[in-house]
Amino acid sequence: MIDWPLAELLPHAGDMILIEQILAFDEEQIHTRLTVRPDGLFSQPDGSLPAWVGIELMAQSVAAFAGCHARQRGDAVALGFLLGSRKFECNVESFPAGTELTIHGLRSLEDDNGMGVFECHINAPGIHATARLNVYRPPQPTQYLSEPEGSSQGTQS
């Protein structure tokens, strides 16, 4: 189990941090977990979590993977982007409240330009979800957040 605070490993804040714990990671993979809370940010009226949120759980696990490696190197956590997912399949429509989900992300490709592909799984008793995530970690992420010079956000007359 990894005791590093998730807020120091993910470029997310507050309620947007959906995973609860990093169980283990190594050079190629990460294992995370969370217990579905009925009062969560994306919870449905019955307290369950829609299965489509599984893609975000997988993406946050991949971000935590990058954050863990950055911390090991003594680097700052860098911004990354989920470019898309392929073949998301889940055998349930929602994850019931109280269910402990484990998420596994396995890096299958990462190049020097920051592009990566991860094979991800979510498991719990009677629950299985899979997807392939395409991610991008730009070499200079601040360029993606700043506005070009001379642009404006609207003017008033």
Protein backbone atom coordinates (compact mmCIF):
# COMPACT_ATOMS: atom_id res chain seq x y z
CA MET A 1 0.00 0.00 0.00
CA ILE A 2 1.25 3.49 -0.90
CA ASP A 3 0.73 6.18 1.74
CA TRP A 4 1.40 9.22 -0.45
CA PRO A 5 -1.54 11.64 -0.43
CA LEU A 6 -3.48 11.36 -3.69
CA ALA A 7 -3.74 15.14 -3.93
CA GLU A 8 0.05 15.21 -4.34
CA LEU A 9 -0.03 12.61 -7.15
CA LEU A 10 -3.00 13.72 -9.24
CA PRO A 11 -3.59 17.02 -11.00
CA HIS A 12 -7.11 17.02 -9.50
CA ALA A 13 -8.54 18.60 -6.38
CA GLY A 14 -11.28 18.02 -3.83
CA ASP A 15 -14.26 15.93 -4.90
CA MET A 16 -12.76 15.39 -8.34
CA ILE A 17 -10.33 12.88 -6.84
CA LEU A 18 -12.41 9.73 -7.18
CA ILE A 19 -9.92 6.97 -6.35
CA GLU A 20 -9.16 6.50 -2.67
CA GLN A 21 -5.93 4.57 -2.46
CA ILE A 22 -2.96 3.31 -4.39
CA LEU A 23 -2.43 -0.30 -3.49
CA ALA A 24 0.76 -0.90 -5.50
CA PHE A 25 2.67 0.25 -8.56
CA ASP A 26 5.81 -0.67 -10.44
CA GLU A 27 7.46 0.23 -13.73
CA GLU A 28 4.58 -1.04 -15.86
CA GLN A 29 1.39 -1.08 -13.79
CA ILE A 30 -0.69 0.34 -10.97
CA HIS A 31 -3.40 -1.03 -8.68
CA THR A 32 -5.82 1.39 -7.02
CA ARG A 33 -9.11 1.10 -5.15
CA LEU A 34 -12.17 2.93 -3.98
CA THR A 35 -15.38 2.15 -2.15
CA VAL A 36 -18.45 3.52 -3.93
CA ARG A 37 -19.98 6.20 -1.70
CA PRO A 38 -23.66 7.08 -2.00
CA ASP A 39 -22.79 10.78 -1.57
CA GLY A 40 -20.09 10.87 -4.25
CA LEU A 41 -19.86 13.55 -6.91
CA PHE A 42 -21.34 11.31 -9.64
CA SER A 43 -23.62 9.18 -7.46
CA GLN A 44 -27.11 8.39 -8.72
CA PRO A 45 -30.19 8.80 -6.49
CA ASP A 46 -29.89 5.17 -5.33
CA GLY A 47 -26.26 5.81 -4.27
CA SER A 48 -24.72 3.81 -7.09
CA LEU A 49 -22.06 5.07 -9.46
CA PRO A 50 -22.83 4.89 -13.21
CA ALA A 51 -20.58 2.42 -15.00
CA TRP A 52 -19.43 5.10 -17.45
CA VAL A 53 -17.58 6.77 -14.55
CA GLY A 54 -15.33 3.72 -14.74
CA ILE A 55 -13.44 5.43 -17.57
CA GLU A 56 -12.58 8.31 -15.21
CA LEU A 57 -11.55 5.85 -12.49
CA MET A 58 -9.22 4.20 -14.96
CA ALA A 59 -7.89 7.58 -16.14
CA GLN A 60 -7.21 8.71 -12.57
CA SER A 61 -5.38 5.45 -11.91
CA VAL A 62 -3.20 6.10 -14.96
CA ALA A 63 -2.61 9.67 -13.72
CA ALA A 64 -1.65 8.28 -10.31
CA PHE A 65 0.79 5.93 -12.09
CA ALA A 66 2.46 8.96 -13.68
CA GLY A 67 2.34 10.85 -10.37
CA CYS A 68 4.00 8.00 -8.47
CA HIS A 69 6.81 7.83 -11.01
CA ALA A 70 7.25 11.62 -10.94
CA ARG A 71 7.47 11.55 -7.14
CA GLN A 72 10.04 8.73 -7.25
CA ARG A 73 12.18 10.85 -9.57
CA GLY A 74 11.71 13.98 -7.45
CA ASP A 75 9.76 15.71 -10.26
CA ALA A 76 6.56 17.70 -10.02
CA VAL A 77 3.32 16.01 -11.01
CA ALA A 78 2.62 16.91 -14.63
CA LEU A 79 -0.64 17.51 -16.39
CA GLY A 80 -1.83 14.77 -18.69
CA PHE A 81 -4.78 14.30 -21.00
CA LEU A 82 -7.13 11.43 -21.64
CA LEU A 83 -7.36 11.40 -25.43
CA GLY A 84 -9.88 8.64 -25.63
CA SER A 85 -10.91 5.16 -24.69
CA ARG A 86 -11.42 2.10 -26.83
CA LYS A 87 -13.48 -0.95 -26.21
CA PHE A 88 -14.99 0.10 -22.87
CA GLU A 89 -17.01 -2.88 -21.72
CA CYS A 90 -18.73 -3.37 -18.40
CA ASN A 91 -21.01 -6.18 -17.30
CA VAL A 92 -23.15 -3.87 -15.10
CA GLU A 93 -24.86 -0.52 -15.64
CA SER A 94 -23.75 0.87 -12.31
CA PHE A 95 -21.50 0.11 -9.36
CA PRO A 96 -23.64 -0.30 -6.21
CA ALA A 97 -23.00 1.86 -3.14
CA GLY A 98 -20.62 0.18 -0.72
CA THR A 99 -18.88 -1.86 -3.43
CA GLU A 100 -15.09 -1.92 -3.21
CA LEU A 101 -13.70 -1.54 -6.71
CA THR A 102 -10.11 -2.34 -7.62
CA ILE A 103 -8.64 -0.72 -10.70
CA HIS A 104 -5.63 -2.09 -12.56
CA GLY A 105 -3.78 -0.17 -15.25
CA LEU A 106 -1.06 -1.79 -17.32
CA ARG A 107 1.11 0.30 -19.63
CA SER A 108 1.27 -1.33 -23.03
CA LEU A 109 2.91 1.55 -24.89
CA GLU A 110 4.56 4.85 -24.07
CA ASP A 111 6.74 6.86 -26.41
CA ASP A 112 9.20 9.70 -25.91
CA ASN A 113 6.64 12.25 -27.15
CA GLY A 114 4.30 11.60 -24.20
CA MET A 115 1.78 9.34 -25.93
CA GLY A 116 0.71 6.26 -24.00
CA VAL A 117 -1.70 3.36 -24.08
CA PHE A 118 -2.92 1.56 -20.96
CA GLU A 119 -4.97 -1.60 -20.65
CA CYS A 120 -7.30 -1.08 -17.70
CA HIS A 121 -9.64 -3.25 -15.64
CA ILE A 122 -12.09 -2.63 -12.83
CA ASN A 123 -13.04 -5.60 -10.67
CA ALA A 124 -15.31 -6.35 -7.74
CA PRO A 125 -17.45 -9.38 -6.90
CA GLY A 126 -19.75 -9.82 -9.91
CA ILE A 127 -18.30 -6.73 -11.66
CA HIS A 128 -15.79 -6.53 -14.47
CA ALA A 129 -15.00 -3.58 -16.73
CA THR A 130 -12.23 -3.18 -19.28
CA ALA A 131 -10.98 -0.44 -21.57
CA ARG A 132 -7.90 0.68 -23.43
CA LEU A 133 -7.01 4.30 -22.63
CA ASN A 134 -5.03 6.55 -24.93
CA VAL A 135 -3.28 9.27 -22.96
CA TYR A 136 -0.95 12.17 -23.64
CA ARG A 137 1.48 13.87 -21.29
CA PRO A 138 2.86 16.90 -23.13
CA PRO A 139 6.52 17.76 -22.59
CA GLN A 140 5.58 21.36 -21.67
CA PRO A 141 2.05 21.20 -20.26
CA THR A 142 1.83 24.87 -19.32
CA GLN A 143 1.66 25.72 -23.02
CA TYR A 144 -1.69 23.94 -23.19
CA LEU A 145 -3.16 25.99 -20.37
CA SER A 146 -2.08 29.47 -21.41
CA GLU A 147 -3.90 31.65 -23.91
CA PRO A 148 -2.04 32.82 -26.99
CA GLU A 149 -0.87 36.39 -26.84
CA GLY A 150 -3.37 38.84 -28.28
CA SER A 151 -6.40 36.68 -27.55
CA SER A 152 -9.19 38.00 -25.43
CA GLN A 153 -12.08 36.41 -23.65
CA GLY A 154 -14.65 38.86 -24.90
CA THR A 155 -15.12 42.55 -24.85
CA GLN A 156 -17.86 44.86 -23.79
CA SER A 157 -19.00 47.88 -25.74
